[in-house]
Amino acid sequence: MNIDVLGIDLSKNVCSVVGLDGKGEVVFRRRIRRITLAQLVEKLPACTIGMEACCGAHHLGRQFTALGHTVKLMPPEYVKCYVKAQKNDDRDAEGIPEAATRPTMRFVTLKSEEQLDIQSLYRTRDRLVGERTALINQLRAVLFERGLVIPKGRTKLDRWLREELPSASGLTPVCRSW
């Protein structure tokens, strides 16, 4: 069995794996537990491995590269057009190696652990800022329901809370205790 391109559809527990030969014909098809995936790939001779760029793909990509394979990560939306009929894990796994062999395919660069750390920090900060904005808007809405119009912006709300809240009328003791 000579596998030139291996397509892996990643999931949390069971991954679908399809291997194509040099002619593009399916010579290997298997569903395998994620924990044994590295053992399977380790036994294969060096080949091109295609995966969708998703959770865990960068980690596995670094592992497979260290074993001598060429890893190509693709955005999931670019792989979708190579999937035949109804979408499922096995059909995705069959479309991935086909997409990986296309000369015009856009690939995602493997990220190092440091790059993933920075990305995680930015995503966490972005989420916290979004939640803070939602809370500020909710507070402005609660105050607006009581006839108090607060301009947009965190600093304007901070100033209003310091300067205007103590003398604001129409607020119940419960509302003031927030």
N, C-alpha and C. Protein backbone atom coordinates (compact mmCIF):
# COMPACT_ATOMS: atom_id res chain seq x y z
N MET A 1 0.85 -1.17 0.00
CA MET A 1 0.00 0.00 0.00
C MET A 1 0.90 1.24 0.00
N ASN A 2 0.84 2.02 -1.07
CA ASN A 2 1.65 3.21 -1.21
C ASN A 2 0.75 4.43 -1.11
N ILE A 3 0.88 5.17 -0.02
CA ILE A 3 0.06 6.36 0.21
C ILE A 3 0.89 7.59 -0.10
N ASP A 4 0.41 8.40 -1.05
CA ASP A 4 1.08 9.66 -1.37
C ASP A 4 0.50 10.82 -0.58
N VAL A 5 -0.83 10.81 -0.44
CA VAL A 5 -1.52 11.89 0.28
C VAL A 5 -2.49 11.27 1.27
N LEU A 6 -2.41 11.73 2.50
CA LEU A 6 -3.30 11.25 3.56
C LEU A 6 -4.20 12.40 3.98
N GLY A 7 -5.49 12.15 3.99
CA GLY A 7 -6.44 13.16 4.45
C GLY A 7 -6.99 12.75 5.79
N ILE A 8 -6.97 13.69 6.74
CA ILE A 8 -7.46 13.39 8.09
C ILE A 8 -8.53 14.39 8.45
N ASP A 9 -9.73 13.89 8.77
CA ASP A 9 -10.80 14.74 9.29
C ASP A 9 -10.75 14.59 10.80
N LEU A 10 -10.30 15.64 11.47
CA LEU A 10 -10.11 15.59 12.92
C LEU A 10 -11.43 15.75 13.66
N SER A 11 -11.50 15.06 14.79
CA SER A 11 -12.62 15.26 15.71
C SER A 11 -12.08 15.02 17.12
N LYS A 12 -12.94 15.14 18.11
CA LYS A 12 -12.45 15.00 19.48
C LYS A 12 -12.04 13.57 19.81
N ASN A 13 -12.79 12.60 19.31
CA ASN A 13 -12.51 11.21 19.69
C ASN A 13 -12.12 10.31 18.52
N VAL A 14 -12.92 10.28 17.47
CA VAL A 14 -12.69 9.37 16.35
C VAL A 14 -12.46 10.19 15.08
N CYS A 15 -11.31 9.97 14.43
CA CYS A 15 -10.95 10.70 13.22
C CYS A 15 -11.14 9.79 12.01
N SER A 16 -11.55 10.37 10.91
CA SER A 16 -11.65 9.64 9.65
C SER A 16 -10.38 9.90 8.86
N VAL A 17 -9.79 8.82 8.31
CA VAL A 17 -8.53 8.91 7.60
C VAL A 17 -8.70 8.25 6.23
N VAL A 18 -8.25 8.96 5.17
CA VAL A 18 -8.30 8.42 3.81
C VAL A 18 -6.94 8.65 3.18
N GLY A 19 -6.41 7.60 2.54
CA GLY A 19 -5.13 7.69 1.86
C GLY A 19 -5.30 7.53 0.36
N LEU A 20 -4.63 8.39 -0.41
CA LEU A 20 -4.67 8.32 -1.87
C LEU A 20 -3.30 7.92 -2.39
N ASP A 21 -3.31 7.15 -3.47
CA ASP A 21 -2.04 6.80 -4.11
C ASP A 21 -1.66 7.89 -5.11
N GLY A 22 -0.61 7.65 -5.89
CA GLY A 22 -0.14 8.63 -6.86
C GLY A 22 -1.14 8.94 -7.96
N LYS A 23 -2.08 8.03 -8.21
CA LYS A 23 -3.10 8.24 -9.25
C LYS A 23 -4.33 8.97 -8.70
N GLY A 24 -4.37 9.16 -7.40
CA GLY A 24 -5.51 9.82 -6.78
C GLY A 24 -6.62 8.87 -6.39
N GLU A 25 -6.32 7.58 -6.39
CA GLU A 25 -7.32 6.58 -6.02
C GLU A 25 -7.21 6.26 -4.53
N VAL A 26 -8.35 6.01 -3.91
CA VAL A 26 -8.39 5.68 -2.49
C VAL A 26 -7.81 4.29 -2.27
N VAL A 27 -6.76 4.22 -1.46
CA VAL A 27 -6.13 2.94 -1.15
C VAL A 27 -6.20 2.62 0.34
N PHE A 28 -6.68 3.58 1.12
CA PHE A 28 -6.73 3.39 2.57
C PHE A 28 -7.90 4.22 3.10
N ARG A 29 -8.73 3.58 3.90
CA ARG A 29 -9.87 4.29 4.51
C ARG A 29 -10.11 3.67 5.88
N ARG A 30 -10.09 4.51 6.89
CA ARG A 30 -10.26 3.99 8.24
C ARG A 30 -10.76 5.08 9.18
N ARG A 31 -11.52 4.66 10.17
CA ARG A 31 -11.87 5.53 11.29
C ARG A 31 -10.99 5.08 12.45
N ILE A 32 -10.36 6.04 13.08
CA ILE A 32 -9.37 5.69 14.11
C ILE A 32 -9.52 6.64 15.30
N ARG A 33 -9.28 6.12 16.48
CA ARG A 33 -9.36 6.96 17.68
C ARG A 33 -8.23 7.99 17.63
N ARG A 34 -8.52 9.16 18.10
CA ARG A 34 -7.54 10.25 18.03
C ARG A 34 -6.25 9.91 18.77
N ILE A 35 -6.37 9.19 19.86
CA ILE A 35 -5.16 8.89 20.65
C ILE A 35 -4.22 7.93 19.92
N THR A 36 -4.73 7.16 18.95
CA THR A 36 -3.87 6.23 18.21
C THR A 36 -3.50 6.76 16.82
N LEU A 37 -3.95 7.97 16.51
CA LEU A 37 -3.67 8.55 15.19
C LEU A 37 -2.18 8.75 14.96
N ALA A 38 -1.47 9.25 15.96
CA ALA A 38 -0.03 9.49 15.82
C ALA A 38 0.72 8.17 15.58
N GLN A 39 0.25 7.09 16.21
CA GLN A 39 0.89 5.79 16.01
C GLN A 39 0.72 5.32 14.58
N LEU A 40 -0.45 5.54 14.00
CA LEU A 40 -0.70 5.16 12.61
C LEU A 40 0.20 5.95 11.67
N VAL A 41 0.24 7.26 11.86
CA VAL A 41 1.03 8.12 10.97
C VAL A 41 2.52 7.81 11.11
N GLU A 42 2.95 7.43 12.30
CA GLU A 42 4.36 7.11 12.54
C GLU A 42 4.80 5.90 11.72
N LYS A 43 3.90 4.97 11.48
CA LYS A 43 4.22 3.75 10.73
C LYS A 43 4.27 3.98 9.22
N LEU A 44 3.68 5.08 8.75
CA LEU A 44 3.62 5.35 7.31
C LEU A 44 4.92 5.95 6.80
N PRO A 45 5.29 5.64 5.55
CA PRO A 45 6.44 6.35 4.97
C PRO A 45 6.08 7.82 4.75
N ALA A 46 7.07 8.66 4.61
CA ALA A 46 6.84 10.10 4.45
C ALA A 46 5.86 10.38 3.32
N CYS A 47 4.86 11.16 3.61
CA CYS A 47 3.84 11.53 2.62
C CYS A 47 3.31 12.91 2.94
N THR A 48 2.39 13.39 2.12
CA THR A 48 1.72 14.66 2.38
C THR A 48 0.48 14.37 3.20
N ILE A 49 0.30 15.11 4.27
CA ILE A 49 -0.87 14.94 5.13
C ILE A 49 -1.69 16.22 5.07
N GLY A 50 -2.94 16.09 4.66
CA GLY A 50 -3.84 17.23 4.61
C GLY A 50 -4.84 17.17 5.75
N MET A 51 -5.05 18.34 6.38
CA MET A 51 -6.04 18.45 7.47
C MET A 51 -6.70 19.81 7.38
N GLU A 52 -7.92 19.88 7.89
CA GLU A 52 -8.55 21.18 8.02
C GLU A 52 -7.91 21.89 9.21
N ALA A 53 -7.71 23.19 9.08
CA ALA A 53 -7.11 23.98 10.16
C ALA A 53 -8.18 24.21 11.22
N CYS A 54 -8.15 23.38 12.25
CA CYS A 54 -9.14 23.48 13.32
C CYS A 54 -8.44 23.20 14.65
N CYS A 55 -9.22 23.07 15.69
CA CYS A 55 -8.67 22.82 17.02
C CYS A 55 -7.80 21.57 17.03
N GLY A 56 -6.59 21.70 17.46
CA GLY A 56 -5.68 20.57 17.56
C GLY A 56 -4.88 20.29 16.31
N ALA A 57 -5.23 20.91 15.18
CA ALA A 57 -4.54 20.63 13.93
C ALA A 57 -3.08 21.10 13.96
N HIS A 58 -2.82 22.22 14.60
CA HIS A 58 -1.45 22.74 14.65
C HIS A 58 -0.55 21.82 15.50
N HIS A 59 -1.10 21.33 16.59
CA HIS A 59 -0.34 20.43 17.45
C HIS A 59 0.01 19.14 16.70
N LEU A 60 -1.01 18.53 16.08
CA LEU A 60 -0.76 17.31 15.31
C LEU A 60 0.16 17.58 14.12
N GLY A 61 -0.02 18.73 13.49
CA GLY A 61 0.82 19.10 12.36
C GLY A 61 2.29 19.16 12.74
N ARG A 62 2.58 19.73 13.91
CA ARG A 62 3.97 19.78 14.37
C ARG A 62 4.50 18.38 14.65
N GLN A 63 3.65 17.52 15.23
CA GLN A 63 4.05 16.14 15.50
C GLN A 63 4.37 15.39 14.19
N PHE A 64 3.48 15.54 13.20
CA PHE A 64 3.66 14.82 11.94
C PHE A 64 4.85 15.35 11.16
N THR A 65 5.10 16.64 11.24
CA THR A 65 6.26 17.24 10.57
C THR A 65 7.54 16.68 11.19
N ALA A 66 7.54 16.52 12.50
CA ALA A 66 8.72 15.95 13.18
C ALA A 66 8.97 14.51 12.75
N LEU A 67 7.93 13.82 12.28
CA LEU A 67 8.08 12.44 11.81
C LEU A 67 8.51 12.38 10.34
N GLY A 68 8.67 13.54 9.69
CA GLY A 68 9.15 13.58 8.31
C GLY A 68 8.07 13.77 7.26
N HIS A 69 6.83 13.96 7.68
CA HIS A 69 5.72 14.16 6.73
C HIS A 69 5.61 15.64 6.36
N THR A 70 4.98 15.91 5.22
CA THR A 70 4.68 17.27 4.82
C THR A 70 3.23 17.54 5.19
N VAL A 71 2.99 18.51 6.04
CA VAL A 71 1.64 18.79 6.53
C VAL A 71 1.09 20.02 5.83
N LYS A 72 -0.14 19.90 5.34
CA LYS A 72 -0.82 21.01 4.69
C LYS A 72 -2.16 21.23 5.40
N LEU A 73 -2.28 22.39 6.04
CA LEU A 73 -3.53 22.76 6.69
C LEU A 73 -4.31 23.68 5.78
N MET A 74 -5.62 23.44 5.71
CA MET A 74 -6.48 24.24 4.84
C MET A 74 -7.67 24.77 5.63
N PRO A 75 -8.13 25.96 5.31
CA PRO A 75 -9.35 26.45 5.95
C PRO A 75 -10.53 25.53 5.59
N PRO A 76 -11.38 25.19 6.55
CA PRO A 76 -12.49 24.28 6.28
C PRO A 76 -13.39 24.73 5.14
N GLU A 77 -13.59 26.03 4.99
CA GLU A 77 -14.48 26.50 3.92
C GLU A 77 -13.90 26.24 2.53
N TYR A 78 -12.58 26.11 2.43
CA TYR A 78 -11.96 25.81 1.13
C TYR A 78 -12.05 24.32 0.78
N VAL A 79 -12.20 23.49 1.80
CA VAL A 79 -12.28 22.05 1.57
C VAL A 79 -13.71 21.65 1.19
N LYS A 80 -14.67 22.42 1.63
CA LYS A 80 -16.07 22.06 1.47
C LYS A 80 -16.44 21.72 0.03
N CYS A 81 -15.90 22.44 -0.94
CA CYS A 81 -16.27 22.21 -2.34
C CYS A 81 -15.71 20.90 -2.90
N TYR A 82 -14.80 20.24 -2.19
CA TYR A 82 -14.25 18.97 -2.64
C TYR A 82 -14.98 17.77 -2.01
N VAL A 83 -15.95 18.05 -1.15
CA VAL A 83 -16.70 16.99 -0.48
C VAL A 83 -17.88 16.60 -1.36
N LYS A 84 -17.99 15.30 -1.62
CA LYS A 84 -19.06 14.79 -2.47
C LYS A 84 -20.33 14.54 -1.65
N ALA A 85 -21.47 14.88 -2.21
CA ALA A 85 -22.78 14.59 -1.62
C ALA A 85 -22.92 15.19 -0.22
N GLN A 86 -23.64 14.50 0.65
CA GLN A 86 -23.91 15.02 1.99
C GLN A 86 -22.63 15.00 2.82
N LYS A 87 -22.49 16.05 3.61
CA LYS A 87 -21.28 16.21 4.41
C LYS A 87 -21.32 15.26 5.61
N ASN A 88 -20.27 14.49 5.77
CA ASN A 88 -20.04 13.73 6.99
C ASN A 88 -18.53 13.54 7.14
N ASP A 89 -18.10 12.97 8.23
CA ASP A 89 -16.66 12.88 8.51
C ASP A 89 -15.90 12.06 7.46
N ASP A 90 -16.49 10.95 7.02
CA ASP A 90 -15.80 10.10 6.04
C ASP A 90 -15.67 10.81 4.69
N ARG A 91 -16.70 11.50 4.28
CA ARG A 91 -16.64 12.22 3.00
C ARG A 91 -15.69 13.42 3.10
N ASP A 92 -15.67 14.06 4.26
CA ASP A 92 -14.71 15.15 4.48
C ASP A 92 -13.28 14.62 4.34
N ALA A 93 -13.02 13.48 4.97
CA ALA A 93 -11.68 12.89 4.92
C ALA A 93 -11.28 12.55 3.49
N GLU A 94 -12.25 12.20 2.66
CA GLU A 94 -11.94 11.89 1.26
C GLU A 94 -11.70 13.17 0.45
N GLY A 95 -12.38 14.24 0.80
CA GLY A 95 -12.20 15.50 0.08
C GLY A 95 -10.93 16.24 0.46
N ILE A 96 -10.45 16.03 1.69
CA ILE A 96 -9.27 16.75 2.18
C ILE A 96 -8.01 16.45 1.35
N PRO A 97 -7.66 15.18 1.08
CA PRO A 97 -6.45 14.96 0.29
C PRO A 97 -6.59 15.46 -1.14
N GLU A 98 -7.81 15.40 -1.66
CA GLU A 98 -8.03 15.94 -3.00
C GLU A 98 -7.77 17.44 -3.02
N ALA A 99 -8.27 18.13 -2.00
CA ALA A 99 -8.05 19.58 -1.90
C ALA A 99 -6.57 19.89 -1.69
N ALA A 100 -5.88 19.05 -0.92
CA ALA A 100 -4.46 19.29 -0.61
C ALA A 100 -3.57 19.19 -1.84
N THR A 101 -4.03 18.49 -2.87
CA THR A 101 -3.21 18.32 -4.07
C THR A 101 -3.45 19.40 -5.11
N ARG A 102 -4.38 20.28 -4.88
CA ARG A 102 -4.69 21.34 -5.85
C ARG A 102 -3.62 22.43 -5.80
N PRO A 103 -3.12 22.84 -6.97
CA PRO A 103 -2.05 23.84 -6.99
C PRO A 103 -2.49 25.24 -6.55
N THR A 104 -3.78 25.53 -6.65
CA THR A 104 -4.24 26.88 -6.29
C THR A 104 -4.80 26.95 -4.88
N MET A 105 -4.73 25.85 -4.14
CA MET A 105 -5.26 25.83 -2.78
C MET A 105 -4.44 26.76 -1.89
N ARG A 106 -5.13 27.46 -1.02
CA ARG A 106 -4.46 28.31 -0.03
C ARG A 106 -4.30 27.52 1.26
N PHE A 107 -3.09 27.50 1.76
CA PHE A 107 -2.80 26.73 2.96
C PHE A 107 -2.56 27.65 4.14
N VAL A 108 -2.78 27.11 5.33
CA VAL A 108 -2.55 27.82 6.58
C VAL A 108 -1.19 27.38 7.09
N THR A 109 -0.37 28.32 7.48
CA THR A 109 0.95 28.01 8.02
C THR A 109 0.81 27.39 9.41
N LEU A 110 1.59 26.35 9.67
CA LEU A 110 1.59 25.75 11.01
C LEU A 110 2.04 26.78 12.03
N LYS A 111 1.32 26.87 13.13
CA LYS A 111 1.67 27.83 14.17
C LYS A 111 2.48 27.14 15.26
N SER A 112 3.46 27.86 15.77
CA SER A 112 4.25 27.34 16.88
C SER A 112 3.44 27.49 18.17
N GLU A 113 3.93 26.86 19.23
CA GLU A 113 3.24 26.98 20.52
C GLU A 113 3.22 28.43 20.98
N GLU A 114 4.28 29.18 20.72
CA GLU A 114 4.34 30.58 21.13
C GLU A 114 3.29 31.41 20.37
N GLN A 115 3.14 31.13 19.08
CA GLN A 115 2.13 31.84 18.29
C GLN A 115 0.72 31.52 18.79
N LEU A 116 0.49 30.27 19.15
CA LEU A 116 -0.82 29.89 19.68
C LEU A 116 -1.07 30.53 21.03
N ASP A 117 -0.01 30.68 21.85
CA ASP A 117 -0.16 31.36 23.14
C ASP A 117 -0.60 32.80 22.94
N ILE A 118 0.04 33.50 22.03
CA ILE A 118 -0.30 34.90 21.76
C ILE A 118 -1.72 35.00 21.21
N GLN A 119 -2.07 34.08 20.30
CA GLN A 119 -3.42 34.07 19.74
C GLN A 119 -4.46 33.87 20.86
N SER A 120 -4.16 32.98 21.79
CA SER A 120 -5.08 32.73 22.91
C SER A 120 -5.26 33.97 23.77
N LEU A 121 -4.15 34.68 24.03
CA LEU A 121 -4.24 35.91 24.81
C LEU A 121 -5.11 36.95 24.11
N TYR A 122 -4.89 37.14 22.82
CA TYR A 122 -5.69 38.12 22.07
C TYR A 122 -7.17 37.74 22.06
N ARG A 123 -7.46 36.45 21.86
CA ARG A 123 -8.86 36.01 21.83
C ARG A 123 -9.53 36.18 23.19
N THR A 124 -8.79 35.87 24.26
CA THR A 124 -9.34 36.03 25.60
C THR A 124 -9.61 37.50 25.90
N ARG A 125 -8.65 38.36 25.54
CA ARG A 125 -8.83 39.80 25.76
C ARG A 125 -10.02 40.31 24.97
N ASP A 126 -10.13 39.89 23.71
CA ASP A 126 -11.24 40.32 22.86
C ASP A 126 -12.58 39.91 23.47
N ARG A 127 -12.63 38.71 24.02
CA ARG A 127 -13.87 38.24 24.64
C ARG A 127 -14.20 39.06 25.88
N LEU A 128 -13.20 39.35 26.70
CA LEU A 128 -13.43 40.14 27.91
C LEU A 128 -13.90 41.54 27.57
N VAL A 129 -13.28 42.15 26.55
CA VAL A 129 -13.71 43.49 26.13
C VAL A 129 -15.15 43.44 25.63
N GLY A 130 -15.50 42.40 24.88
CA GLY A 130 -16.87 42.26 24.39
C GLY A 130 -17.88 42.11 25.51
N GLU A 131 -17.52 41.31 26.52
CA GLU A 131 -18.42 41.13 27.66
C GLU A 131 -18.55 42.42 28.46
N ARG A 132 -17.45 43.15 28.62
CA ARG A 132 -17.52 44.44 29.32
C ARG A 132 -18.43 45.40 28.59
N THR A 133 -18.31 45.45 27.26
CA THR A 133 -19.16 46.33 26.46
C THR A 133 -20.63 45.94 26.60
N ALA A 134 -20.91 44.64 26.60
CA ALA A 134 -22.29 44.18 26.75
C ALA A 134 -22.86 44.59 28.11
N LEU A 135 -22.06 44.47 29.16
CA LEU A 135 -22.52 44.86 30.49
C LEU A 135 -22.76 46.37 30.58
N ILE A 136 -21.87 47.14 29.97
CA ILE A 136 -22.05 48.60 29.97
C ILE A 136 -23.35 48.96 29.25
N ASN A 137 -23.58 48.34 28.10
CA ASN A 137 -24.81 48.62 27.35
C ASN A 137 -26.05 48.20 28.11
N GLN A 138 -25.96 47.08 28.84
CA GLN A 138 -27.09 46.64 29.64
C GLN A 138 -27.37 47.63 30.76
N LEU A 139 -26.32 48.12 31.42
CA LEU A 139 -26.49 49.12 32.49
C LEU A 139 -27.09 50.40 31.93
N ARG A 140 -26.61 50.84 30.76
CA ARG A 140 -27.18 52.04 30.14
C ARG A 140 -28.66 51.85 29.83
N ALA A 141 -29.04 50.64 29.40
CA ALA A 141 -30.44 50.35 29.10
C ALA A 141 -31.29 50.38 30.36
N VAL A 142 -30.77 49.80 31.45
CA VAL A 142 -31.51 49.81 32.72
C VAL A 142 -31.73 51.24 33.19
N LEU A 143 -30.69 52.05 33.08
CA LEU A 143 -30.83 53.46 33.49
C LEU A 143 -31.76 54.22 32.56
N PHE A 144 -31.71 53.91 31.27
CA PHE A 144 -32.58 54.58 30.30
C PHE A 144 -34.05 54.25 30.59
N GLU A 145 -34.34 53.02 31.06
CA GLU A 145 -35.70 52.65 31.44
C GLU A 145 -36.20 53.48 32.61
N ARG A 146 -35.29 54.07 33.34
CA ARG A 146 -35.64 54.92 34.48
C ARG A 146 -35.51 56.40 34.14
N GLY A 147 -35.38 56.67 32.84
CA GLY A 147 -35.34 58.06 32.38
C GLY A 147 -33.98 58.72 32.42
N LEU A 148 -32.93 57.94 32.64
CA LEU A 148 -31.58 58.51 32.70
C LEU A 148 -30.82 58.11 31.44
N VAL A 149 -30.47 59.11 30.63
CA VAL A 149 -29.78 58.85 29.37
C VAL A 149 -28.28 59.06 29.59
N ILE A 150 -27.52 58.01 29.36
CA ILE A 150 -26.07 58.05 29.55
C ILE A 150 -25.43 57.97 28.16
N PRO A 151 -24.50 58.86 27.83
CA PRO A 151 -23.83 58.79 26.53
C PRO A 151 -23.04 57.49 26.38
N LYS A 152 -22.80 57.09 25.13
CA LYS A 152 -22.01 55.89 24.86
C LYS A 152 -20.58 56.06 25.33
N GLY A 153 -19.97 54.95 25.70
CA GLY A 153 -18.55 54.96 26.06
C GLY A 153 -18.33 54.65 27.52
N ARG A 154 -17.30 53.88 27.78
CA ARG A 154 -16.97 53.47 29.14
C ARG A 154 -16.57 54.66 30.01
N THR A 155 -15.75 55.55 29.46
CA THR A 155 -15.29 56.68 30.28
C THR A 155 -16.44 57.62 30.63
N LYS A 156 -17.38 57.78 29.69
CA LYS A 156 -18.54 58.64 29.97
C LYS A 156 -19.43 58.02 31.04
N LEU A 157 -19.58 56.69 31.00
CA LEU A 157 -20.35 56.01 32.04
C LEU A 157 -19.64 56.12 33.38
N ASP A 158 -18.32 55.91 33.40
CA ASP A 158 -17.56 56.05 34.65
C ASP A 158 -17.75 57.44 35.26
N ARG A 159 -17.62 58.46 34.41
CA ARG A 159 -17.78 59.84 34.89
C ARG A 159 -19.18 60.06 35.43
N TRP A 160 -20.20 59.55 34.71
CA TRP A 160 -21.58 59.74 35.14
C TRP A 160 -21.82 59.04 36.48
N LEU A 161 -21.28 57.83 36.63
CA LEU A 161 -21.47 57.10 37.88
C LEU A 161 -20.84 57.83 39.05
N ARG A 162 -19.67 58.46 38.84
CA ARG A 162 -19.00 59.19 39.91
C ARG A 162 -19.69 60.52 40.22
N GLU A 163 -20.06 61.24 39.18
CA GLU A 163 -20.53 62.61 39.37
C GLU A 163 -22.05 62.75 39.46
N GLU A 164 -22.79 62.00 38.68
CA GLU A 164 -24.23 62.20 38.58
C GLU A 164 -25.06 61.21 39.38
N LEU A 165 -24.58 60.00 39.55
CA LEU A 165 -25.36 58.97 40.23
C LEU A 165 -25.81 59.39 41.62
N PRO A 166 -24.93 59.98 42.44
CA PRO A 166 -25.37 60.33 43.81
C PRO A 166 -26.59 61.27 43.83
N SER A 167 -26.70 62.14 42.85
CA SER A 167 -27.82 63.10 42.85
C SER A 167 -28.93 62.71 41.87
N ALA A 168 -28.82 61.59 41.21
CA ALA A 168 -29.82 61.18 40.22
C ALA A 168 -31.13 60.83 40.91
N SER A 169 -32.23 61.33 40.35
CA SER A 169 -33.54 61.02 40.92
C SER A 169 -34.18 59.89 40.12
N GLY A 170 -35.14 59.22 40.72
CA GLY A 170 -35.86 58.17 40.03
C GLY A 170 -35.25 56.80 40.20
N LEU A 171 -34.22 56.69 41.02
CA LEU A 171 -33.61 55.38 41.26
C LEU A 171 -34.04 54.86 42.62
N THR A 172 -34.49 53.64 42.63
CA THR A 172 -34.88 53.02 43.89
C THR A 172 -33.64 52.63 44.69
N PRO A 173 -33.80 52.39 45.99
CA PRO A 173 -32.64 51.94 46.78
C PRO A 173 -32.04 50.65 46.25
N VAL A 174 -32.86 49.74 45.74
CA VAL A 174 -32.34 48.49 45.17
C VAL A 174 -31.47 48.77 43.95
N CYS A 175 -31.93 49.66 43.09
CA CYS A 175 -31.18 50.01 41.90
C CYS A 175 -29.86 50.68 42.25
N ARG A 176 -29.85 51.51 43.26
CA ARG A 176 -28.63 52.20 43.68
C ARG A 176 -27.61 51.24 44.29
N SER A 177 -28.08 50.10 44.82
CA SER A 177 -27.18 49.20 45.53
C SER A 177 -26.38 48.30 44.59
N TRP A 178 -26.64 48.35 43.32
CA TRP A 178 -25.89 47.51 42.38
C TRP A 178 -24.43 47.84 42.49
